Amino acid sequence: MGKKENSLSVSDFNNELKLKGFNVFQIDDDSNVIRNYSRKDFYKICLTTGQSIINYADRSFDMKGTILFFANPNIPYSWETISRSYVGYTCLFSEDFYKPSDRSESLQHSPLFKIGGTPIFHISEEKREFLNGIFKNMIAEQGTTYAFKDDLIRNYINLIIHEALKLQPAEEFEQVKNAAHRITNVFLELLERQFPIESTDRPLQLRTAQHYATNLNLHVNYLNRAVKETTGKATTTHISERIVSEAKALLLHTDWNVADIAYALGFEYPTYFNNFFKKMTGTNPMSLRPAEV
């Protein structure tokens, strides 16, 4: 077709996202672009007008007009812009930003973000103008020094999510639930059901890929292949990241000592937990605790 193919990287946003967990920006003349098929490290909401081909998990969608797209960091995708004129907005955020102290259900269980969900929506002109306003408000807000701007931006994200939940999914989005997707979905749901840890009397039982495979009556190699194929991440990575997330919540929101937290998360010795936490986060567990006066 004679198009010039440019490869856009999201690395420019990674440092800022790690610092504040959020970035929103306007897409201006984003034509003739192909973004690589890969897993990203953040959730993404796009409002775009133009024609594009979206490769999402094992499916491809030719989208025209204005669409609202929700990307899960666990699911690989790529985006090819077809039309000459392509405009809109993008919002990137981490789950830690979206849920700084909320230990409720993971975003991965949302109909908009979960594996096998419905992340692509057609948007009417009236709804486009409304959503444009929300994105413009977020862009304006992220540049302010307002003390509670993160809370306000989270409210804007929630408003976009609720607007999408009221819509019917795009007709081009055909749900394909192959075996790998079904197995991965069941694994992620089982993983999430292990949390939150609410008592040291009931420590975490499922801590390894083998534990989950046994519980699901699968061979561990089969589970690992399915999860890796569907999400781009290893089974053990999902488990470790979720344990770290729970460890942070326990360190921040309980008065349990580190030994109790280590035991509650299934570690035989506190030193094993300390080494695991430092390997995953680059710091030690006590660094999350307020300094004692």
C-alpha atoms as a PDB file:
ATOM      1  CA  MET A   1       0.000   0.000   0.000  1.00  0.00           C
ATOM      2  CA  GLY A   2       3.040   2.252  -0.014  1.00  0.00           C
ATOM      3  CA  LYS A   3       2.568   3.335   3.599  1.00  0.00           C
ATOM      4  CA  LYS A   4       5.477   4.398   5.695  1.00  0.00           C
ATOM      5  CA  GLU A   5       5.576   2.185   8.758  1.00  0.00           C
ATOM      6  CA  ASN A   6       6.620   3.841  11.977  1.00  0.00           C
ATOM      7  CA  SER A   7       7.074   1.937  15.213  1.00  0.00           C
ATOM      8  CA  LEU A   8       5.897   3.837  18.270  1.00  0.00           C
ATOM      9  CA  SER A   9       7.310   2.974  21.669  1.00  0.00           C
ATOM     10  CA  VAL A  10       5.568   3.566  24.973  1.00  0.00           C
ATOM     11  CA  SER A  11       8.916   3.702  26.768  1.00  0.00           C
ATOM     12  CA  ASP A  12       8.764   7.494  26.862  1.00  0.00           C
ATOM     13  CA  PHE A  13       5.867   7.199  29.261  1.00  0.00           C
ATOM     14  CA  ASN A  14       7.223   4.422  31.482  1.00  0.00           C
ATOM     15  CA  ASN A  15       9.351   6.553  33.802  1.00  0.00           C
ATOM     16  CA  GLU A  16       6.543   9.016  34.382  1.00  0.00           C
ATOM     17  CA  LEU A  17       4.026   6.216  34.871  1.00  0.00           C
ATOM     18  CA  LYS A  18       6.250   4.564  37.465  1.00  0.00           C
ATOM     19  CA  LEU A  19       6.474   7.833  39.356  1.00  0.00           C
ATOM     20  CA  LYS A  20       2.820   8.846  39.324  1.00  0.00           C
ATOM     21  CA  GLY A  21       1.016   5.861  37.808  1.00  0.00           C
ATOM     22  CA  PHE A  22      -0.890   7.943  35.266  1.00  0.00           C
ATOM     23  CA  ASN A  23      -0.565   9.790  31.964  1.00  0.00           C
ATOM     24  CA  VAL A  24      -3.165  11.232  29.593  1.00  0.00           C
ATOM     25  CA  PHE A  25      -2.495  12.903  26.256  1.00  0.00           C
ATOM     26  CA  GLN A  26      -4.089  13.887  22.967  1.00  0.00           C
ATOM     27  CA  ILE A  27      -3.490  11.938  19.756  1.00  0.00           C
ATOM     28  CA  ASP A  28      -2.847  14.350  16.900  1.00  0.00           C
ATOM     29  CA  ASP A  29      -2.501  13.162  13.298  1.00  0.00           C
ATOM     30  CA  ASP A  30      -1.464   9.674  14.388  1.00  0.00           C
ATOM     31  CA  SER A  31      -1.755   8.244  10.858  1.00  0.00           C
ATOM     32  CA  ASN A  32       0.266   5.505   9.150  1.00  0.00           C
ATOM     33  CA  VAL A  33       1.454   4.035  12.416  1.00  0.00           C
ATOM     34  CA  ILE A  34       1.912   0.445  13.559  1.00  0.00           C
ATOM     35  CA  ARG A  35       2.421  -0.275  17.247  1.00  0.00           C
ATOM     36  CA  ASN A  36       4.141  -3.522  18.063  1.00  0.00           C
ATOM     37  CA  TYR A  37       2.158  -6.543  19.220  1.00  0.00           C
ATOM     38  CA  SER A  38       3.209  -6.917  22.827  1.00  0.00           C
ATOM     39  CA  ARG A  39       2.103  -6.841  26.437  1.00  0.00           C
ATOM     40  CA  LYS A  40       2.246  -3.384  27.973  1.00  0.00           C
ATOM     41  CA  ASP A  41       2.835  -2.550  31.631  1.00  0.00           C
ATOM     42  CA  PHE A  42      -0.279  -0.487  32.232  1.00  0.00           C
ATOM     43  CA  TYR A  43      -3.991  -0.264  31.595  1.00  0.00           C
ATOM     44  CA  LYS A  44      -5.002   1.877  28.632  1.00  0.00           C
ATOM     45  CA  ILE A  45      -8.170   3.636  27.507  1.00  0.00           C
ATOM     46  CA  CYS A  46      -8.260   5.108  23.999  1.00  0.00           C
ATOM     47  CA  LEU A  47     -10.916   7.286  22.375  1.00  0.00           C
ATOM     48  CA  THR A  48     -10.064   7.505  18.674  1.00  0.00           C
ATOM     49  CA  THR A  49     -11.666   8.601  15.416  1.00  0.00           C
ATOM     50  CA  GLY A  50     -10.437   7.111  12.138  1.00  0.00           C
ATOM     51  CA  GLN A  51      -9.845   3.646  10.705  1.00  0.00           C
ATOM     52  CA  SER A  52      -7.558   1.124  12.338  1.00  0.00           C
ATOM     53  CA  ILE A  53      -6.867  -2.583  12.677  1.00  0.00           C
ATOM     54  CA  ILE A  54      -6.567  -3.809  16.252  1.00  0.00           C
ATOM     55  CA  ASN A  55      -4.941  -7.172  16.929  1.00  0.00           C
ATOM     56  CA  TYR A  56      -6.060  -8.172  20.417  1.00  0.00           C
ATOM     57  CA  ALA A  57      -5.034 -11.536  21.904  1.00  0.00           C
ATOM     58  CA  ASP A  58      -5.790 -13.979  19.057  1.00  0.00           C
ATOM     59  CA  ARG A  59      -8.349 -11.774  17.261  1.00  0.00           C
ATOM     60  CA  SER A  60      -8.217  -8.929  14.730  1.00  0.00           C
ATOM     61  CA  PHE A  61     -10.764  -6.128  14.283  1.00  0.00           C
ATOM     62  CA  ASP A  62     -11.131  -3.620  11.456  1.00  0.00           C
ATOM     63  CA  MET A  63     -12.592  -0.564  13.178  1.00  0.00           C
ATOM     64  CA  LYS A  64     -13.998   2.585  11.537  1.00  0.00           C
ATOM     65  CA  GLY A  65     -15.375   5.805  13.013  1.00  0.00           C
ATOM     66  CA  THR A  66     -15.053   6.647  16.700  1.00  0.00           C
ATOM     67  CA  ILE A  67     -14.265   3.832  19.108  1.00  0.00           C
ATOM     68  CA  LEU A  68     -13.477   3.449  22.790  1.00  0.00           C
ATOM     69  CA  PHE A  69     -10.841   0.794  23.480  1.00  0.00           C
ATOM     70  CA  PHE A  70      -9.740  -0.728  26.809  1.00  0.00           C
ATOM     71  CA  ALA A  71      -6.389  -2.547  27.017  1.00  0.00           C
ATOM     72  CA  ASN A  72      -5.347  -4.943  29.784  1.00  0.00           C
ATOM     73  CA  PRO A  73      -1.598  -5.144  30.600  1.00  0.00           C
ATOM     74  CA  ASN A  74      -1.904  -8.943  30.655  1.00  0.00           C
ATOM     75  CA  ILE A  75      -3.138  -9.238  27.053  1.00  0.00           C
ATOM     76  CA  PRO A  76      -0.840  -8.553  24.068  1.00  0.00           C
ATOM     77  CA  TYR A  77      -2.200  -6.253  21.365  1.00  0.00           C
ATOM     78  CA  SER A  78      -1.085  -4.115  18.446  1.00  0.00           C
ATOM     79  CA  TRP A  79      -2.698  -1.188  16.684  1.00  0.00           C
ATOM     80  CA  GLU A  80      -2.338  -0.310  12.986  1.00  0.00           C
ATOM     81  CA  THR A  81      -3.676   3.061  11.846  1.00  0.00           C
ATOM     82  CA  ILE A  82      -5.162   2.931   8.335  1.00  0.00           C
ATOM     83  CA  SER A  83      -6.794   6.307   7.699  1.00  0.00           C
ATOM     84  CA  ARG A  84      -4.897   9.484   6.810  1.00  0.00           C
ATOM     85  CA  SER A  85      -6.537  11.437   9.619  1.00  0.00           C
ATOM     86  CA  TYR A  86      -6.531   9.853  13.054  1.00  0.00           C
ATOM     87  CA  VAL A  87      -7.235  11.772  16.259  1.00  0.00           C
ATOM     88  CA  GLY A  88      -8.342  11.196  19.813  1.00  0.00           C
ATOM     89  CA  TYR A  89      -7.081  10.708  23.360  1.00  0.00           C
ATOM     90  CA  THR A  90      -5.178   8.082  25.338  1.00  0.00           C
ATOM     91  CA  CYS A  91      -5.148   7.486  29.083  1.00  0.00           C
ATOM     92  CA  LEU A  92      -2.538   5.191  30.653  1.00  0.00           C
ATOM     93  CA  PHE A  93      -2.612   4.106  34.290  1.00  0.00           C
ATOM     94  CA  SER A  94      -1.397   1.413  36.647  1.00  0.00           C
ATOM     95  CA  GLU A  95      -3.635  -0.657  38.902  1.00  0.00           C
ATOM     96  CA  ASP A  96      -1.792   0.789  41.898  1.00  0.00           C
ATOM     97  CA  PHE A  97      -2.846   4.276  40.779  1.00  0.00           C
ATOM     98  CA  TYR A  98      -6.445   3.234  40.148  1.00  0.00           C
ATOM     99  CA  LYS A  99      -6.751   1.388  43.473  1.00  0.00           C
ATOM    100  CA  PRO A 100      -4.234   2.981  45.880  1.00  0.00           C
ATOM    101  CA  SER A 101      -5.860   1.556  49.016  1.00  0.00           C
ATOM    102  CA  ASP A 102      -8.804  -0.465  47.730  1.00  0.00           C
ATOM    103  CA  ARG A 103      -8.517  -4.206  48.259  1.00  0.00           C
ATOM    104  CA  SER A 104     -11.662  -5.047  46.329  1.00  0.00           C
ATOM    105  CA  GLU A 105     -11.893  -7.008  43.104  1.00  0.00           C
ATOM    106  CA  SER A 106      -9.085  -6.596  40.599  1.00  0.00           C
ATOM    107  CA  LEU A 107      -9.549  -4.610  37.403  1.00  0.00           C
ATOM    108  CA  GLN A 108      -8.814  -7.872  35.599  1.00  0.00           C
ATOM    109  CA  HIS A 109     -12.342  -8.994  36.522  1.00  0.00           C
ATOM    110  CA  SER A 110     -13.975  -5.957  34.936  1.00  0.00           C
ATOM    111  CA  PRO A 111     -15.967  -6.793  31.773  1.00  0.00           C
ATOM    112  CA  LEU A 112     -13.863  -4.137  30.031  1.00  0.00           C
ATOM    113  CA  PHE A 113     -10.451  -5.516  30.964  1.00  0.00           C
ATOM    114  CA  LYS A 114     -10.783  -9.229  31.682  1.00  0.00           C
ATOM    115  CA  ILE A 115      -9.558 -11.904  29.305  1.00  0.00           C
ATOM    116  CA  GLY A 116     -12.361 -12.785  26.915  1.00  0.00           C
ATOM    117  CA  GLY A 117     -14.104  -9.506  27.739  1.00  0.00           C
ATOM    118  CA  THR A 118     -15.443  -6.843  25.385  1.00  0.00           C
ATOM    119  CA  PRO A 119     -12.878  -4.005  25.148  1.00  0.00           C
ATOM    120  CA  ILE A 120     -14.010  -2.277  21.910  1.00  0.00           C
ATOM    121  CA  PHE A 121     -17.046   0.001  21.653  1.00  0.00           C
ATOM    122  CA  HIS A 122     -18.523   2.106  18.859  1.00  0.00           C
ATOM    123  CA  ILE A 123     -19.171   5.675  19.989  1.00  0.00           C
ATOM    124  CA  SER A 124     -21.842   8.042  18.643  1.00  0.00           C
ATOM    125  CA  GLU A 125     -21.042  11.657  17.812  1.00  0.00           C
ATOM    126  CA  GLU A 126     -22.974  12.854  20.856  1.00  0.00           C
ATOM    127  CA  LYS A 127     -21.129  10.438  23.143  1.00  0.00           C
ATOM    128  CA  ARG A 128     -17.806  11.328  21.500  1.00  0.00           C
ATOM    129  CA  GLU A 129     -18.234  14.995  22.420  1.00  0.00           C
ATOM    130  CA  PHE A 130     -19.094  14.022  26.000  1.00  0.00           C
ATOM    131  CA  LEU A 131     -16.064  11.718  26.339  1.00  0.00           C
ATOM    132  CA  ASN A 132     -13.802  14.290  24.665  1.00  0.00           C
ATOM    133  CA  GLY A 133     -14.726  16.651  27.484  1.00  0.00           C
ATOM    134  CA  ILE A 134     -13.706  14.108  30.115  1.00  0.00           C
ATOM    135  CA  PHE A 135     -10.312  13.536  28.492  1.00  0.00           C
ATOM    136  CA  LYS A 136      -9.737  17.289  28.164  1.00  0.00           C
ATOM    137  CA  ASN A 137     -10.540  17.688  31.853  1.00  0.00           C
ATOM    138  CA  MET A 138      -8.021  14.969  32.734  1.00  0.00           C
ATOM    139  CA  ILE A 139      -5.312  16.589  30.609  1.00  0.00           C
ATOM    140  CA  ALA A 140      -5.950  19.954  32.263  1.00  0.00           C
ATOM    141  CA  GLU A 141      -6.032  18.412  35.730  1.00  0.00           C
ATOM    142  CA  GLN A 142      -2.791  16.448  35.454  1.00  0.00           C
ATOM    143  CA  GLY A 143      -0.896  19.721  35.007  1.00  0.00           C
ATOM    144  CA  THR A 144      -2.238  21.307  38.193  1.00  0.00           C
ATOM    145  CA  THR A 145      -0.904  21.285  41.744  1.00  0.00           C
ATOM    146  CA  TYR A 146      -4.311  20.478  43.245  1.00  0.00           C
ATOM    147  CA  ALA A 147      -3.693  18.269  46.283  1.00  0.00           C
ATOM    148  CA  PHE A 148      -6.453  15.807  45.388  1.00  0.00           C
ATOM    149  CA  LYS A 149      -5.997  15.707  41.624  1.00  0.00           C
ATOM    150  CA  ASP A 150      -5.268  11.948  41.648  1.00  0.00           C
ATOM    151  CA  ASP A 151      -8.655  11.332  43.261  1.00  0.00           C
ATOM    152  CA  LEU A 152     -10.303  13.572  40.688  1.00  0.00           C
ATOM    153  CA  ILE A 153      -8.583  11.806  37.791  1.00  0.00           C
ATOM    154  CA  ARG A 154      -9.632   8.423  39.193  1.00  0.00           C
ATOM    155  CA  ASN A 155     -13.210   9.719  39.207  1.00  0.00           C
ATOM    156  CA  TYR A 156     -12.865  10.703  35.549  1.00  0.00           C
ATOM    157  CA  ILE A 157     -11.561   7.203  34.713  1.00  0.00           C
ATOM    158  CA  ASN A 158     -14.512   5.679  36.562  1.00  0.00           C
ATOM    159  CA  LEU A 159     -16.900   7.890  34.637  1.00  0.00           C
ATOM    160  CA  ILE A 160     -15.460   6.672  31.311  1.00  0.00           C
ATOM    161  CA  ILE A 161     -15.685   3.052  32.507  1.00  0.00           C
ATOM    162  CA  HIS A 162     -19.330   3.441  33.528  1.00  0.00           C
ATOM    163  CA  GLU A 163     -20.193   5.101  30.227  1.00  0.00           C
ATOM    164  CA  ALA A 164     -18.664   2.114  28.420  1.00  0.00           C
ATOM    165  CA  LEU A 165     -20.522  -0.401  30.589  1.00  0.00           C
ATOM    166  CA  LYS A 166     -23.802   1.156  29.428  1.00  0.00           C
ATOM    167  CA  LEU A 167     -22.912   0.559  25.775  1.00  0.00           C
ATOM    168  CA  GLN A 168     -23.225  -2.545  23.654  1.00  0.00           C
ATOM    169  CA  PRO A 169     -19.887  -4.008  22.509  1.00  0.00           C
ATOM    170  CA  ALA A 170     -18.837  -3.424  18.920  1.00  0.00           C
ATOM    171  CA  GLU A 171     -20.428  -5.886  16.493  1.00  0.00           C
ATOM    172  CA  GLU A 172     -17.011  -6.749  15.020  1.00  0.00           C
ATOM    173  CA  PHE A 173     -15.880  -8.070  18.399  1.00  0.00           C
ATOM    174  CA  GLU A 174     -16.559 -11.800  18.312  1.00  0.00           C
ATOM    175  CA  GLN A 175     -15.671 -13.577  21.503  1.00  0.00           C
ATOM    176  CA  VAL A 176     -13.414 -16.524  20.771  1.00  0.00           C
ATOM    177  CA  LYS A 177     -12.941 -18.693  23.844  1.00  0.00           C
ATOM    178  CA  ASN A 178     -10.346 -21.242  22.888  1.00  0.00           C
ATOM    179  CA  ALA A 179      -8.893 -23.645  25.426  1.00  0.00           C
ATOM    180  CA  ALA A 180      -5.913 -21.444  26.328  1.00  0.00           C
ATOM    181  CA  HIS A 181      -8.169 -18.446  27.009  1.00  0.00           C
ATOM    182  CA  ARG A 182     -10.575 -20.489  29.122  1.00  0.00           C
ATOM    183  CA  ILE A 183      -7.775 -22.015  31.185  1.00  0.00           C
ATOM    184  CA  THR A 184      -6.078 -18.647  31.694  1.00  0.00           C
ATOM    185  CA  ASN A 185      -9.323 -16.999  32.711  1.00  0.00           C
ATOM    186  CA  VAL A 186     -10.012 -19.730  35.284  1.00  0.00           C
ATOM    187  CA  PHE A 187      -6.452 -19.493  36.602  1.00  0.00           C
ATOM    188  CA  LEU A 188      -6.634 -15.690  37.038  1.00  0.00           C
ATOM    189  CA  GLU A 189     -10.003 -15.956  38.767  1.00  0.00           C
ATOM    190  CA  LEU A 190      -8.692 -18.662  41.114  1.00  0.00           C
ATOM    191  CA  LEU A 191      -5.608 -16.543  41.825  1.00  0.00           C
ATOM    192  CA  GLU A 192      -7.717 -13.511  42.713  1.00  0.00           C
ATOM    193  CA  ARG A 193      -9.980 -15.593  44.977  1.00  0.00           C
ATOM    194  CA  GLN A 194      -7.014 -16.316  47.249  1.00  0.00           C
ATOM    195  CA  PHE A 195      -7.086 -12.680  48.360  1.00  0.00           C
ATOM    196  CA  PRO A 196      -7.365 -10.602  50.445  1.00  0.00           C
ATOM    197  CA  ILE A 197      -5.530 -12.303  53.298  1.00  0.00           C
ATOM    198  CA  GLU A 198      -7.531 -11.325  56.371  1.00  0.00           C
ATOM    199  CA  SER A 199      -6.038 -13.462  59.119  1.00  0.00           C
ATOM    200  CA  THR A 200      -2.746 -15.140  59.948  1.00  0.00           C
ATOM    201  CA  ASP A 201      -4.837 -18.151  60.925  1.00  0.00           C
ATOM    202  CA  ARG A 202      -5.649 -18.711  57.245  1.00  0.00           C
ATOM    203  CA  PRO A 203      -2.368 -18.343  55.349  1.00  0.00           C
ATOM    204  CA  LEU A 204      -2.125 -18.422  51.565  1.00  0.00           C
ATOM    205  CA  GLN A 205      -2.317 -22.023  50.333  1.00  0.00           C
ATOM    206  CA  LEU A 206      -1.761 -21.756  46.571  1.00  0.00           C
ATOM    207  CA  ARG A 207       1.679 -20.266  45.981  1.00  0.00           C
ATOM    208  CA  THR A 208       3.171 -22.059  42.965  1.00  0.00           C
ATOM    209  CA  ALA A 209       2.184 -22.896  39.415  1.00  0.00           C
ATOM    210  CA  GLN A 210       2.063 -26.557  40.457  1.00  0.00           C
ATOM    211  CA  HIS A 211      -0.386 -25.739  43.268  1.00  0.00           C
ATOM    212  CA  TYR A 212      -2.745 -24.053  40.796  1.00  0.00           C
ATOM    213  CA  ALA A 213      -2.344 -26.774  38.175  1.00  0.00           C
ATOM    214  CA  THR A 214      -3.213 -29.440  40.752  1.00  0.00           C
ATOM    215  CA  ASN A 215      -6.223 -27.450  41.934  1.00  0.00           C
ATOM    216  CA  LEU A 216      -7.425 -27.050  38.334  1.00  0.00           C
ATOM    217  CA  ASN A 217      -6.703 -30.715  37.528  1.00  0.00           C
ATOM    218  CA  LEU A 218      -4.224 -29.763  34.804  1.00  0.00           C
ATOM    219  CA  HIS A 219      -0.635 -30.662  34.037  1.00  0.00           C
ATOM    220  CA  VAL A 220       1.549 -27.726  35.091  1.00  0.00           C
ATOM    221  CA  ASN A 221       3.192 -27.499  31.652  1.00  0.00           C
ATOM    222  CA  TYR A 222      -0.223 -27.191  30.007  1.00  0.00           C
ATOM    223  CA  LEU A 223      -1.225 -24.414  32.416  1.00  0.00           C
ATOM    224  CA  ASN A 224       2.056 -22.579  31.867  1.00  0.00           C
ATOM    225  CA  ARG A 225       1.736 -22.729  28.060  1.00  0.00           C
ATOM    226  CA  ALA A 226      -1.863 -21.479  28.139  1.00  0.00           C
ATOM    227  CA  VAL A 227      -1.119 -18.569  30.468  1.00  0.00           C
ATOM    228  CA  LYS A 228       2.017 -17.547  28.569  1.00  0.00           C
ATOM    229  CA  GLU A 229       0.266 -17.783  25.193  1.00  0.00           C
ATOM    230  CA  THR A 230      -2.705 -15.708  26.333  1.00  0.00           C
ATOM    231  CA  THR A 231      -1.098 -13.056  28.534  1.00  0.00           C
ATOM    232  CA  GLY A 232       2.543 -12.968  27.518  1.00  0.00           C
ATOM    233  CA  LYS A 233       3.503 -13.525  31.171  1.00  0.00           C
ATOM    234  CA  ALA A 234       4.529 -16.682  33.008  1.00  0.00           C
ATOM    235  CA  THR A 235       2.205 -18.281  35.546  1.00  0.00           C
ATOM    236  CA  THR A 236       4.771 -17.717  38.292  1.00  0.00           C
ATOM    237  CA  THR A 237       4.998 -14.033  37.355  1.00  0.00           C
ATOM    238  CA  HIS A 238       1.243 -13.575  37.826  1.00  0.00           C
ATOM    239  CA  ILE A 239       1.406 -15.335  41.191  1.00  0.00           C
ATOM    240  CA  SER A 240       4.451 -13.388  42.388  1.00  0.00           C
ATOM    241  CA  GLU A 241       3.018 -10.024  41.334  1.00  0.00           C
ATOM    242  CA  ARG A 242      -0.253 -10.723  43.125  1.00  0.00           C
ATOM    243  CA  ILE A 243       1.563 -11.814  46.293  1.00  0.00           C
ATOM    244  CA  VAL A 244       3.642  -8.620  46.211  1.00  0.00           C
ATOM    245  CA  SER A 245       0.479  -6.543  45.747  1.00  0.00           C
ATOM    246  CA  GLU A 246      -1.071  -8.201  48.802  1.00  0.00           C
ATOM    247  CA  ALA A 247       2.143  -7.818  50.782  1.00  0.00           C
ATOM    248  CA  LYS A 248       2.120  -4.073  50.114  1.00  0.00           C
ATOM    249  CA  ALA A 249      -1.507  -3.842  51.250  1.00  0.00           C
ATOM    250  CA  LEU A 250      -0.751  -5.726  54.474  1.00  0.00           C
ATOM    251  CA  LEU A 251       2.320  -3.622  55.185  1.00  0.00           C
ATOM    252  CA  LEU A 252       0.439  -0.389  54.621  1.00  0.00           C
ATOM    253  CA  HIS A 253      -2.947  -1.177  56.131  1.00  0.00           C
ATOM    254  CA  THR A 254      -2.329  -3.581  59.027  1.00  0.00           C
ATOM    255  CA  ASP A 255      -0.189  -3.563  62.157  1.00  0.00           C
ATOM    256  CA  TRP A 256       1.030  -7.127  61.566  1.00  0.00           C
ATOM    257  CA  ASN A 257       4.763  -7.568  61.937  1.00  0.00           C
ATOM    258  CA  VAL A 258       6.822  -8.749  58.976  1.00  0.00           C
ATOM    259  CA  ALA A 259       7.054 -12.300  60.337  1.00  0.00           C
ATOM    260  CA  ASP A 260       3.239 -12.535  60.531  1.00  0.00           C
ATOM    261  CA  ILE A 261       2.890 -11.173  57.003  1.00  0.00           C
ATOM    262  CA  ALA A 262       5.503 -13.605  55.722  1.00  0.00           C
ATOM    263  CA  TYR A 263       3.654 -16.523  57.315  1.00  0.00           C
ATOM    264  CA  ALA A 264       0.249 -15.303  56.060  1.00  0.00           C
ATOM    265  CA  LEU A 265       1.611 -15.198  52.503  1.00  0.00           C
ATOM    266  CA  GLY A 266       2.922 -18.742  52.719  1.00  0.00           C
ATOM    267  CA  PHE A 267       6.620 -18.149  53.420  1.00  0.00           C
ATOM    268  CA  GLU A 268       8.241 -20.564  55.858  1.00  0.00           C
ATOM    269  CA  TYR A 269      10.732 -18.013  57.140  1.00  0.00           C
ATOM    270  CA  PRO A 270      10.692 -14.163  57.215  1.00  0.00           C
ATOM    271  CA  THR A 271      14.073 -14.098  55.456  1.00  0.00           C
ATOM    272  CA  TYR A 272      12.520 -15.928  52.461  1.00  0.00           C
ATOM    273  CA  PHE A 273       9.807 -13.281  52.312  1.00  0.00           C
ATOM    274  CA  ASN A 274      12.316 -10.429  52.656  1.00  0.00           C
ATOM    275  CA  ASN A 275      14.437 -11.811  49.805  1.00  0.00           C
ATOM    276  CA  PHE A 276      11.363 -12.354  47.623  1.00  0.00           C
ATOM    277  CA  PHE A 277      10.011  -8.848  48.304  1.00  0.00           C
ATOM    278  CA  LYS A 278      13.351  -7.188  47.581  1.00  0.00           C
ATOM    279  CA  LYS A 279      13.776  -9.176  44.359  1.00  0.00           C
ATOM    280  CA  MET A 280      10.318  -8.113  43.172  1.00  0.00           C
ATOM    281  CA  THR A 281      10.342  -4.482  44.294  1.00  0.00           C
ATOM    282  CA  GLY A 282      13.974  -3.498  44.769  1.00  0.00           C
ATOM    283  CA  THR A 283      13.405  -2.567  48.399  1.00  0.00           C
ATOM    284  CA  ASN A 284      12.775  -4.260  51.741  1.00  0.00           C
ATOM    285  CA  PRO A 285       9.327  -4.670  53.330  1.00  0.00           C
ATOM    286  CA  MET A 286      10.016  -2.300  56.229  1.00  0.00           C
ATOM    287  CA  SER A 287      10.547   0.584  53.797  1.00  0.00           C
ATOM    288  CA  LEU A 288       6.754   0.663  53.335  1.00  0.00           C
ATOM    289  CA  ARG A 289       6.119   1.091  57.034  1.00  0.00           C
ATOM    290  CA  PRO A 290       5.844   4.606  58.540  1.00  0.00           C
ATOM    291  CA  ALA A 291       8.937   5.600  60.453  1.00  0.00           C
ATOM    292  CA  GLU A 292       8.538   5.139  64.204  1.00  0.00           C
ATOM    293  CA  VAL A 293       8.914   8.285  66.255  1.00  0.00           C
END
